Amino acid sequence: MSAITGKDADRFKFKVPTLRNVEMTYPHFHDGEAETLTEAVDLMGRLQLGRKFSEDENAKIVAFLKTLTGDQPSFLMPILPPSTDSTPQPQPFD
């Protein structure tokens, strides 16, 4: 049974990261094995699909992936007031 959903049908299912801005998130894969999208597409084609893409096929897939690149969101961190001796201590969650 899945520890998250409680459904047996969800066993061994994983959430995968989005492909948005994949062009900007190199090196690719959990271990950084692929430094470029071209390398990543080649590896995924061989390992997951069992086929070797031609240079043209690989270039078309990479071109598509690059269309998913957009502006990176900007996050502004708040400036907090300095802590003093009278600042309440945070209460951890139970």
N, C-alpha and C. Protein backbone atom coordinates (compact mmCIF):
# COMPACT_ATOMS: atom_id res chain seq x y z
N MET A 1 0.84 -1.18 0.00
CA MET A 1 0.00 0.00 0.00
C MET A 1 0.89 1.24 0.00
N SER A 2 0.48 2.26 -0.73
CA SER A 2 1.24 3.50 -0.77
C SER A 2 1.15 4.23 0.56
N ALA A 3 2.29 4.64 1.08
CA ALA A 3 2.31 5.35 2.36
C ALA A 3 1.68 6.74 2.24
N ILE A 4 1.63 7.30 1.05
CA ILE A 4 1.09 8.64 0.86
C ILE A 4 -0.41 8.61 0.63
N THR A 5 -0.87 7.85 -0.35
CA THR A 5 -2.29 7.85 -0.73
C THR A 5 -3.10 6.79 -0.02
N GLY A 6 -2.44 5.76 0.48
CA GLY A 6 -3.15 4.66 1.11
C GLY A 6 -3.77 3.70 0.12
N LYS A 7 -3.47 3.87 -1.18
CA LYS A 7 -4.04 3.01 -2.22
C LYS A 7 -2.99 2.02 -2.71
N ASP A 8 -3.35 0.76 -2.75
CA ASP A 8 -2.42 -0.26 -3.21
C ASP A 8 -2.03 -0.05 -4.67
N ALA A 9 -2.93 0.52 -5.47
CA ALA A 9 -2.64 0.76 -6.88
C ALA A 9 -1.54 1.80 -7.08
N ASP A 10 -1.24 2.58 -6.05
CA ASP A 10 -0.22 3.62 -6.16
C ASP A 10 1.17 3.16 -5.74
N ARG A 11 1.32 1.89 -5.42
CA ARG A 11 2.66 1.40 -5.04
C ARG A 11 3.63 1.54 -6.20
N PHE A 12 4.84 1.93 -5.90
CA PHE A 12 5.93 2.05 -6.86
C PHE A 12 5.68 3.13 -7.92
N LYS A 13 4.83 4.09 -7.61
CA LYS A 13 4.63 5.23 -8.50
C LYS A 13 5.35 6.42 -7.90
N PHE A 14 5.96 7.21 -8.76
CA PHE A 14 6.77 8.32 -8.29
C PHE A 14 6.37 9.60 -9.02
N LYS A 15 6.48 10.71 -8.34
CA LYS A 15 6.26 12.00 -8.98
C LYS A 15 7.56 12.39 -9.65
N VAL A 16 7.45 12.79 -10.90
CA VAL A 16 8.65 13.23 -11.62
C VAL A 16 8.62 14.74 -11.75
N PRO A 17 9.79 15.36 -11.81
CA PRO A 17 9.83 16.81 -11.92
C PRO A 17 9.29 17.30 -13.26
N THR A 18 8.82 18.52 -13.27
CA THR A 18 8.31 19.14 -14.48
C THR A 18 9.44 19.36 -15.49
N LEU A 19 9.08 19.48 -16.74
CA LEU A 19 10.08 19.79 -17.78
C LEU A 19 10.20 21.29 -18.01
N ARG A 20 9.40 22.09 -17.30
CA ARG A 20 9.51 23.54 -17.46
C ARG A 20 10.92 23.98 -17.08
N ASN A 21 11.52 24.78 -17.95
CA ASN A 21 12.87 25.32 -17.75
C ASN A 21 13.94 24.23 -17.65
N VAL A 22 13.68 23.06 -18.25
CA VAL A 22 14.65 21.96 -18.19
C VAL A 22 15.98 22.37 -18.83
N GLU A 23 15.93 23.28 -19.78
CA GLU A 23 17.15 23.77 -20.44
C GLU A 23 18.08 24.44 -19.43
N MET A 24 17.51 24.98 -18.36
CA MET A 24 18.30 25.75 -17.39
C MET A 24 18.70 24.95 -16.16
N THR A 25 18.35 23.69 -16.11
CA THR A 25 18.56 22.91 -14.88
C THR A 25 19.64 21.84 -15.02
N TYR A 26 20.67 22.13 -15.78
CA TYR A 26 21.76 21.17 -15.96
C TYR A 26 22.63 21.15 -14.72
N PRO A 27 23.43 20.17 -14.45
CA PRO A 27 23.46 18.90 -15.17
C PRO A 27 22.17 18.13 -14.91
N HIS A 28 21.82 17.27 -15.83
CA HIS A 28 20.54 16.58 -15.79
C HIS A 28 20.65 15.23 -15.09
N PHE A 29 19.56 14.80 -14.54
CA PHE A 29 19.36 13.55 -13.80
C PHE A 29 19.82 13.69 -12.36
N HIS A 30 19.43 12.76 -11.54
CA HIS A 30 19.71 12.83 -10.11
C HIS A 30 21.19 12.83 -9.80
N ASP A 31 21.99 12.28 -10.70
CA ASP A 31 23.43 12.20 -10.44
C ASP A 31 24.25 13.13 -11.33
N GLY A 32 23.58 13.99 -12.10
CA GLY A 32 24.28 14.94 -12.96
C GLY A 32 25.01 14.29 -14.12
N GLU A 33 24.58 13.11 -14.52
CA GLU A 33 25.28 12.35 -15.55
C GLU A 33 25.32 13.06 -16.90
N ALA A 34 24.25 13.75 -17.26
CA ALA A 34 24.19 14.40 -18.58
C ALA A 34 24.38 15.91 -18.42
N GLU A 35 25.41 16.43 -19.06
CA GLU A 35 25.68 17.87 -18.96
C GLU A 35 24.84 18.68 -19.92
N THR A 36 24.34 18.07 -20.98
CA THR A 36 23.55 18.80 -21.98
C THR A 36 22.22 18.09 -22.21
N LEU A 37 21.27 18.83 -22.77
CA LEU A 37 20.00 18.21 -23.13
C LEU A 37 20.20 17.14 -24.19
N THR A 38 21.12 17.38 -25.11
CA THR A 38 21.40 16.39 -26.16
C THR A 38 21.82 15.06 -25.54
N GLU A 39 22.71 15.12 -24.55
CA GLU A 39 23.15 13.90 -23.86
C GLU A 39 21.98 13.26 -23.12
N ALA A 40 21.15 14.08 -22.47
CA ALA A 40 20.02 13.57 -21.71
C ALA A 40 19.02 12.86 -22.61
N VAL A 41 18.71 13.46 -23.77
CA VAL A 41 17.76 12.85 -24.70
C VAL A 41 18.33 11.53 -25.24
N ASP A 42 19.61 11.52 -25.56
CA ASP A 42 20.23 10.30 -26.05
C ASP A 42 20.13 9.19 -25.00
N LEU A 43 20.48 9.51 -23.76
CA LEU A 43 20.44 8.53 -22.68
C LEU A 43 19.02 8.01 -22.45
N MET A 44 18.05 8.91 -22.39
CA MET A 44 16.67 8.49 -22.14
C MET A 44 16.13 7.64 -23.29
N GLY A 45 16.49 7.99 -24.51
CA GLY A 45 16.05 7.19 -25.66
C GLY A 45 16.57 5.77 -25.58
N ARG A 46 17.85 5.65 -25.23
CA ARG A 46 18.45 4.31 -25.17
C ARG A 46 17.96 3.52 -23.97
N LEU A 47 17.92 4.16 -22.79
CA LEU A 47 17.60 3.43 -21.57
C LEU A 47 16.11 3.18 -21.37
N GLN A 48 15.27 4.15 -21.75
CA GLN A 48 13.84 3.99 -21.50
C GLN A 48 13.06 3.49 -22.70
N LEU A 49 13.53 3.82 -23.89
CA LEU A 49 12.80 3.41 -25.09
C LEU A 49 13.51 2.30 -25.87
N GLY A 50 14.76 2.05 -25.52
CA GLY A 50 15.51 1.01 -26.21
C GLY A 50 15.84 1.34 -27.65
N ARG A 51 16.02 2.63 -27.94
CA ARG A 51 16.37 3.01 -29.31
C ARG A 51 17.37 4.15 -29.33
N LYS A 52 18.12 4.20 -30.39
CA LYS A 52 19.12 5.25 -30.59
C LYS A 52 18.53 6.27 -31.55
N PHE A 53 18.35 7.51 -31.08
CA PHE A 53 17.83 8.56 -31.93
C PHE A 53 18.90 9.02 -32.92
N SER A 54 18.48 9.36 -34.13
CA SER A 54 19.40 9.97 -35.08
C SER A 54 19.72 11.38 -34.57
N GLU A 55 20.76 11.99 -35.13
CA GLU A 55 21.11 13.36 -34.73
C GLU A 55 19.94 14.30 -34.98
N ASP A 56 19.25 14.11 -36.09
CA ASP A 56 18.11 14.96 -36.43
C ASP A 56 16.96 14.77 -35.43
N GLU A 57 16.65 13.52 -35.09
CA GLU A 57 15.58 13.25 -34.11
C GLU A 57 15.93 13.87 -32.76
N ASN A 58 17.17 13.68 -32.35
CA ASN A 58 17.62 14.22 -31.07
C ASN A 58 17.50 15.74 -31.08
N ALA A 59 17.94 16.37 -32.17
CA ALA A 59 17.89 17.83 -32.27
C ALA A 59 16.45 18.34 -32.21
N LYS A 60 15.51 17.62 -32.81
CA LYS A 60 14.11 18.03 -32.78
C LYS A 60 13.53 17.92 -31.37
N ILE A 61 13.89 16.86 -30.66
CA ILE A 61 13.41 16.70 -29.28
C ILE A 61 13.99 17.80 -28.39
N VAL A 62 15.28 18.07 -28.56
CA VAL A 62 15.93 19.14 -27.78
C VAL A 62 15.29 20.48 -28.10
N ALA A 63 15.00 20.74 -29.37
CA ALA A 63 14.36 22.00 -29.76
C ALA A 63 13.00 22.12 -29.07
N PHE A 64 12.24 21.03 -29.03
CA PHE A 64 10.95 21.06 -28.33
C PHE A 64 11.15 21.37 -26.85
N LEU A 65 12.09 20.68 -26.21
CA LEU A 65 12.33 20.90 -24.77
C LEU A 65 12.70 22.35 -24.49
N LYS A 66 13.42 22.96 -25.40
CA LYS A 66 13.82 24.37 -25.21
C LYS A 66 12.63 25.31 -25.31
N THR A 67 11.55 24.89 -25.97
CA THR A 67 10.35 25.74 -26.02
C THR A 67 9.67 25.82 -24.67
N LEU A 68 10.03 24.95 -23.75
CA LEU A 68 9.44 24.94 -22.41
C LEU A 68 10.16 25.88 -21.45
N THR A 69 11.15 26.60 -21.96
CA THR A 69 11.93 27.53 -21.14
C THR A 69 11.23 28.88 -21.11
N GLY A 70 11.06 29.41 -19.92
CA GLY A 70 10.44 30.71 -19.74
C GLY A 70 11.20 31.50 -18.69
N ASP A 71 10.61 32.61 -18.31
CA ASP A 71 11.24 33.44 -17.28
C ASP A 71 11.20 32.71 -15.94
N GLN A 72 12.31 32.79 -15.24
CA GLN A 72 12.37 32.21 -13.91
C GLN A 72 11.62 33.12 -12.95
N PRO A 73 10.79 32.57 -12.08
CA PRO A 73 10.09 33.43 -11.12
C PRO A 73 11.07 34.05 -10.14
N SER A 74 10.73 35.23 -9.69
CA SER A 74 11.56 35.96 -8.73
C SER A 74 10.93 35.84 -7.35
N PHE A 75 11.71 35.50 -6.37
CA PHE A 75 11.22 35.39 -5.01
C PHE A 75 11.98 36.39 -4.14
N LEU A 76 11.23 37.28 -3.51
CA LEU A 76 11.84 38.24 -2.60
C LEU A 76 11.66 37.74 -1.17
N MET A 77 12.75 37.65 -0.47
CA MET A 77 12.68 37.21 0.92
C MET A 77 12.34 38.42 1.79
N PRO A 78 11.46 38.25 2.77
CA PRO A 78 11.10 39.38 3.63
C PRO A 78 12.28 39.75 4.55
N ILE A 79 12.36 41.02 4.87
CA ILE A 79 13.37 41.47 5.83
C ILE A 79 12.69 41.48 7.19
N LEU A 80 13.15 40.61 8.05
CA LEU A 80 12.54 40.46 9.37
C LEU A 80 13.21 41.38 10.37
N PRO A 81 12.46 41.80 11.38
CA PRO A 81 13.08 42.64 12.41
C PRO A 81 14.09 41.81 13.19
N PRO A 82 15.09 42.47 13.75
CA PRO A 82 16.09 41.71 14.52
C PRO A 82 15.47 41.08 15.76
N SER A 83 15.99 39.94 16.16
CA SER A 83 15.54 39.26 17.38
C SER A 83 16.17 39.91 18.59
N THR A 84 15.43 39.89 19.68
CA THR A 84 15.93 40.41 20.96
C THR A 84 15.68 39.35 22.02
N ASP A 85 16.08 39.65 23.24
CA ASP A 85 15.85 38.71 24.34
C ASP A 85 14.36 38.47 24.59
N SER A 86 13.52 39.45 24.20
CA SER A 86 12.09 39.30 24.44
C SER A 86 11.34 38.70 23.24
N THR A 87 12.06 38.35 22.19
CA THR A 87 11.41 37.74 21.02
C THR A 87 10.92 36.35 21.39
N PRO A 88 9.63 36.05 21.14
CA PRO A 88 9.12 34.71 21.48
C PRO A 88 9.87 33.63 20.67
N GLN A 89 10.12 32.54 21.33
CA GLN A 89 10.79 31.41 20.67
C GLN A 89 9.78 30.67 19.78
N PRO A 90 10.22 30.15 18.64
CA PRO A 90 9.31 29.40 17.78
C PRO A 90 8.84 28.13 18.47
N GLN A 91 7.61 27.74 18.20
CA GLN A 91 7.07 26.50 18.74
C GLN A 91 7.08 25.44 17.67
N PRO A 92 7.88 24.38 17.82
CA PRO A 92 7.94 23.34 16.80
C PRO A 92 6.61 22.61 16.67
N PHE A 93 6.37 22.07 15.48
CA PHE A 93 5.17 21.29 15.24
C PHE A 93 5.27 19.97 15.97
N ASP A 94 4.13 19.49 16.43
CA ASP A 94 4.11 18.17 17.11
C ASP A 94 3.99 17.07 16.11
